[in-house]
């Protein structure tokens, strides 16, 4: 049985976008001016369904991005 992990991040956390190949292709749906930049740090403004992250300044028509596309930023 496959166990799904809950998002370890919370609102206000800083995360770095580290997309998988699949994650990069899903970001194509957003406008080029608002696409996330791999390796860049972003602040989380919302966590949806304990699985999807929405970061500051990013507006994707599908909602948030699965949390595994990010890693915690070292502060």
N, C-alpha and C. Protein backbone atom coordinates (compact mmCIF):
# COMPACT_ATOMS: atom_id res chain seq x y z
N UNK A 1 0.84 -1.18 0.00
CA UNK A 1 0.00 0.00 0.00
C UNK A 1 0.89 1.24 0.00
N UNK A 2 0.57 2.19 -0.85
CA UNK A 2 1.33 3.44 -0.96
C UNK A 2 0.77 4.47 0.02
N UNK A 3 1.64 5.04 0.83
CA UNK A 3 1.22 6.05 1.79
C UNK A 3 1.55 7.43 1.24
N UNK A 4 0.57 8.32 1.24
CA UNK A 4 0.76 9.68 0.75
C UNK A 4 1.18 10.55 1.93
N UNK A 5 2.28 11.26 1.78
CA UNK A 5 2.76 12.14 2.83
C UNK A 5 2.03 13.46 2.79
N UNK A 6 1.77 14.03 3.96
CA UNK A 6 1.16 15.34 4.05
C UNK A 6 2.22 16.40 3.83
N UNK A 7 1.79 17.54 3.38
CA UNK A 7 2.69 18.67 3.14
C UNK A 7 3.36 19.09 4.46
N UNK A 8 4.68 19.15 4.49
CA UNK A 8 5.39 19.55 5.70
C UNK A 8 5.49 21.06 5.88
N UNK A 9 5.05 21.82 4.88
CA UNK A 9 5.17 23.27 4.91
C UNK A 9 3.92 23.93 5.46
N UNK A 10 4.09 25.18 5.93
CA UNK A 10 2.95 25.96 6.42
C UNK A 10 3.02 27.37 5.84
N UNK A 11 1.92 28.08 5.94
CA UNK A 11 1.85 29.45 5.45
C UNK A 11 2.96 30.27 6.11
N UNK A 12 3.66 31.04 5.29
CA UNK A 12 4.76 31.87 5.77
C UNK A 12 6.13 31.25 5.57
N UNK A 13 6.19 29.94 5.37
CA UNK A 13 7.49 29.28 5.13
C UNK A 13 8.08 29.74 3.80
N UNK A 14 9.40 29.77 3.76
CA UNK A 14 10.11 30.03 2.51
C UNK A 14 10.52 28.68 1.93
N UNK A 15 10.24 28.50 0.65
CA UNK A 15 10.57 27.26 -0.05
C UNK A 15 11.28 27.58 -1.36
N UNK A 16 12.03 26.62 -1.84
CA UNK A 16 12.73 26.76 -3.12
C UNK A 16 12.06 25.84 -4.12
N UNK A 17 11.76 26.39 -5.28
CA UNK A 17 11.10 25.63 -6.35
C UNK A 17 12.13 24.70 -6.99
N UNK A 18 11.92 23.40 -6.84
CA UNK A 18 12.77 22.36 -7.41
C UNK A 18 11.86 21.40 -8.18
N UNK A 19 11.44 21.81 -9.37
CA UNK A 19 10.44 21.03 -10.09
C UNK A 19 10.97 19.73 -10.69
N UNK A 20 10.09 18.76 -10.73
CA UNK A 20 10.36 17.53 -11.47
C UNK A 20 10.08 17.83 -12.94
N UNK A 21 10.39 16.90 -13.81
CA UNK A 21 10.08 17.09 -15.24
C UNK A 21 8.59 17.29 -15.42
N UNK A 22 7.78 16.51 -14.70
CA UNK A 22 6.33 16.65 -14.78
C UNK A 22 5.89 18.02 -14.26
N UNK A 23 6.50 18.46 -13.17
CA UNK A 23 6.16 19.77 -12.61
C UNK A 23 6.43 20.91 -13.58
N UNK A 24 7.51 20.82 -14.31
CA UNK A 24 7.82 21.85 -15.31
C UNK A 24 6.76 21.90 -16.40
N UNK A 25 6.28 20.74 -16.83
CA UNK A 25 5.28 20.74 -17.89
C UNK A 25 3.94 21.28 -17.41
N UNK A 26 3.58 21.10 -16.14
CA UNK A 26 2.32 21.63 -15.65
C UNK A 26 2.38 23.14 -15.49
N UNK A 27 3.57 23.69 -15.28
CA UNK A 27 3.71 25.15 -15.13
C UNK A 27 3.54 25.87 -16.46
N UNK A 28 3.59 25.16 -17.55
CA UNK A 28 3.43 25.77 -18.88
C UNK A 28 2.04 26.39 -19.02
N UNK A 29 1.06 25.89 -18.26
CA UNK A 29 -0.30 26.43 -18.33
C UNK A 29 -0.39 27.87 -17.82
N UNK A 30 0.56 28.29 -16.99
CA UNK A 30 0.51 29.66 -16.47
C UNK A 30 1.14 30.61 -17.48
N UNK A 31 0.87 31.89 -17.34
CA UNK A 31 1.43 32.85 -18.28
C UNK A 31 2.94 32.94 -18.07
N UNK A 32 3.70 33.16 -19.14
CA UNK A 32 5.16 33.20 -19.03
C UNK A 32 5.67 34.20 -18.00
N UNK A 33 4.98 35.29 -17.83
CA UNK A 33 5.46 36.31 -16.88
C UNK A 33 5.26 35.88 -15.43
N UNK A 34 4.43 34.86 -15.19
CA UNK A 34 4.20 34.43 -13.81
C UNK A 34 4.72 33.02 -13.53
N UNK A 35 5.44 32.42 -14.46
CA UNK A 35 5.97 31.07 -14.22
C UNK A 35 7.03 31.11 -13.13
N UNK A 36 7.06 30.05 -12.35
CA UNK A 36 8.06 29.95 -11.29
C UNK A 36 9.43 29.68 -11.90
N UNK A 37 10.46 30.16 -11.23
CA UNK A 37 11.83 29.98 -11.70
C UNK A 37 12.51 28.94 -10.83
N UNK A 38 12.94 27.81 -11.44
CA UNK A 38 13.62 26.79 -10.66
C UNK A 38 14.81 27.36 -9.89
N UNK A 39 14.96 26.94 -8.63
CA UNK A 39 16.06 27.40 -7.79
C UNK A 39 15.77 28.68 -7.03
N UNK A 40 14.61 29.29 -7.28
CA UNK A 40 14.24 30.55 -6.64
C UNK A 40 13.42 30.28 -5.38
N UNK A 41 13.62 31.11 -4.36
CA UNK A 41 12.88 30.98 -3.10
C UNK A 41 11.57 31.78 -3.18
N UNK A 42 10.52 31.20 -2.62
CA UNK A 42 9.19 31.81 -2.60
C UNK A 42 8.58 31.64 -1.21
N UNK A 43 7.70 32.57 -0.83
CA UNK A 43 6.98 32.48 0.43
C UNK A 43 5.61 31.83 0.19
N UNK A 44 5.27 30.86 1.04
CA UNK A 44 3.98 30.18 0.92
C UNK A 44 2.88 31.08 1.48
N UNK A 45 1.81 31.26 0.69
CA UNK A 45 0.68 32.06 1.16
C UNK A 45 -0.56 31.20 1.43
N UNK A 46 -0.54 29.95 0.95
CA UNK A 46 -1.67 29.05 1.20
C UNK A 46 -1.25 27.61 0.96
N UNK A 47 -1.81 26.71 1.77
CA UNK A 47 -1.64 25.27 1.56
C UNK A 47 -3.04 24.70 1.38
N UNK A 48 -3.28 24.05 0.23
CA UNK A 48 -4.60 23.50 -0.09
C UNK A 48 -4.61 21.99 0.12
N UNK A 49 -5.65 21.50 0.79
CA UNK A 49 -5.85 20.06 0.99
C UNK A 49 -4.62 19.36 1.56
N UNK A 50 -3.83 20.08 2.33
CA UNK A 50 -2.62 19.55 2.95
C UNK A 50 -1.69 18.89 1.93
N UNK A 51 -1.75 19.37 0.67
CA UNK A 51 -0.93 18.77 -0.37
C UNK A 51 -0.41 19.77 -1.40
N UNK A 52 -1.16 20.84 -1.66
CA UNK A 52 -0.80 21.79 -2.72
C UNK A 52 -0.41 23.13 -2.13
N UNK A 53 0.66 23.69 -2.65
CA UNK A 53 1.23 24.93 -2.15
C UNK A 53 0.96 26.06 -3.14
N UNK A 54 0.56 27.20 -2.60
CA UNK A 54 0.45 28.42 -3.41
C UNK A 54 1.47 29.39 -2.84
N UNK A 55 2.31 29.91 -3.73
CA UNK A 55 3.35 30.84 -3.30
C UNK A 55 3.03 32.26 -3.74
N UNK A 56 3.60 33.19 -3.04
CA UNK A 56 3.40 34.61 -3.29
C UNK A 56 3.79 34.98 -4.72
N UNK A 57 2.91 35.71 -5.39
CA UNK A 57 3.19 36.19 -6.74
C UNK A 57 2.95 35.20 -7.85
N UNK A 58 2.38 34.04 -7.52
CA UNK A 58 2.16 33.01 -8.54
C UNK A 58 0.68 32.72 -8.66
N UNK A 59 0.18 32.77 -9.90
CA UNK A 59 -1.24 32.52 -10.14
C UNK A 59 -1.37 31.51 -11.26
N UNK A 60 -1.70 30.28 -10.89
CA UNK A 60 -1.84 29.19 -11.84
C UNK A 60 -3.31 28.86 -11.98
N UNK A 61 -3.80 28.67 -13.19
CA UNK A 61 -5.23 28.40 -13.38
C UNK A 61 -5.71 27.13 -12.69
N UNK A 62 -4.80 26.20 -12.41
CA UNK A 62 -5.17 24.95 -11.77
C UNK A 62 -5.09 24.98 -10.25
N UNK A 63 -4.66 26.09 -9.66
CA UNK A 63 -4.52 26.17 -8.21
C UNK A 63 -3.07 26.01 -7.80
N UNK A 64 -2.86 25.32 -6.69
CA UNK A 64 -1.52 25.16 -6.14
C UNK A 64 -0.70 24.09 -6.85
N UNK A 65 0.55 24.00 -6.43
CA UNK A 65 1.49 23.04 -6.98
C UNK A 65 1.79 22.02 -5.89
N UNK A 66 1.88 20.75 -6.25
CA UNK A 66 2.11 19.71 -5.26
C UNK A 66 3.38 20.01 -4.48
N UNK A 67 3.33 19.81 -3.17
CA UNK A 67 4.40 20.24 -2.28
C UNK A 67 5.75 19.62 -2.58
N UNK A 68 5.79 18.44 -3.20
CA UNK A 68 7.09 17.80 -3.48
C UNK A 68 7.89 18.53 -4.54
N UNK A 69 7.28 19.53 -5.19
CA UNK A 69 8.02 20.32 -6.18
C UNK A 69 8.87 21.42 -5.50
N UNK A 70 8.84 21.45 -4.17
CA UNK A 70 9.56 22.46 -3.40
C UNK A 70 10.42 21.79 -2.34
N UNK A 71 11.45 22.51 -1.89
CA UNK A 71 12.20 22.07 -0.72
C UNK A 71 12.30 23.27 0.22
N UNK A 72 12.48 23.00 1.48
CA UNK A 72 12.58 24.07 2.48
C UNK A 72 13.80 24.93 2.18
N UNK A 73 13.62 26.24 2.28
CA UNK A 73 14.74 27.17 2.11
C UNK A 73 15.48 27.25 3.44
N UNK A 74 16.77 27.25 3.38
CA UNK A 74 17.59 27.37 4.59
C UNK A 74 17.64 28.84 4.96
N UNK A 75 17.24 29.12 6.20
CA UNK A 75 17.27 30.53 6.64
C UNK A 75 18.33 30.78 7.66
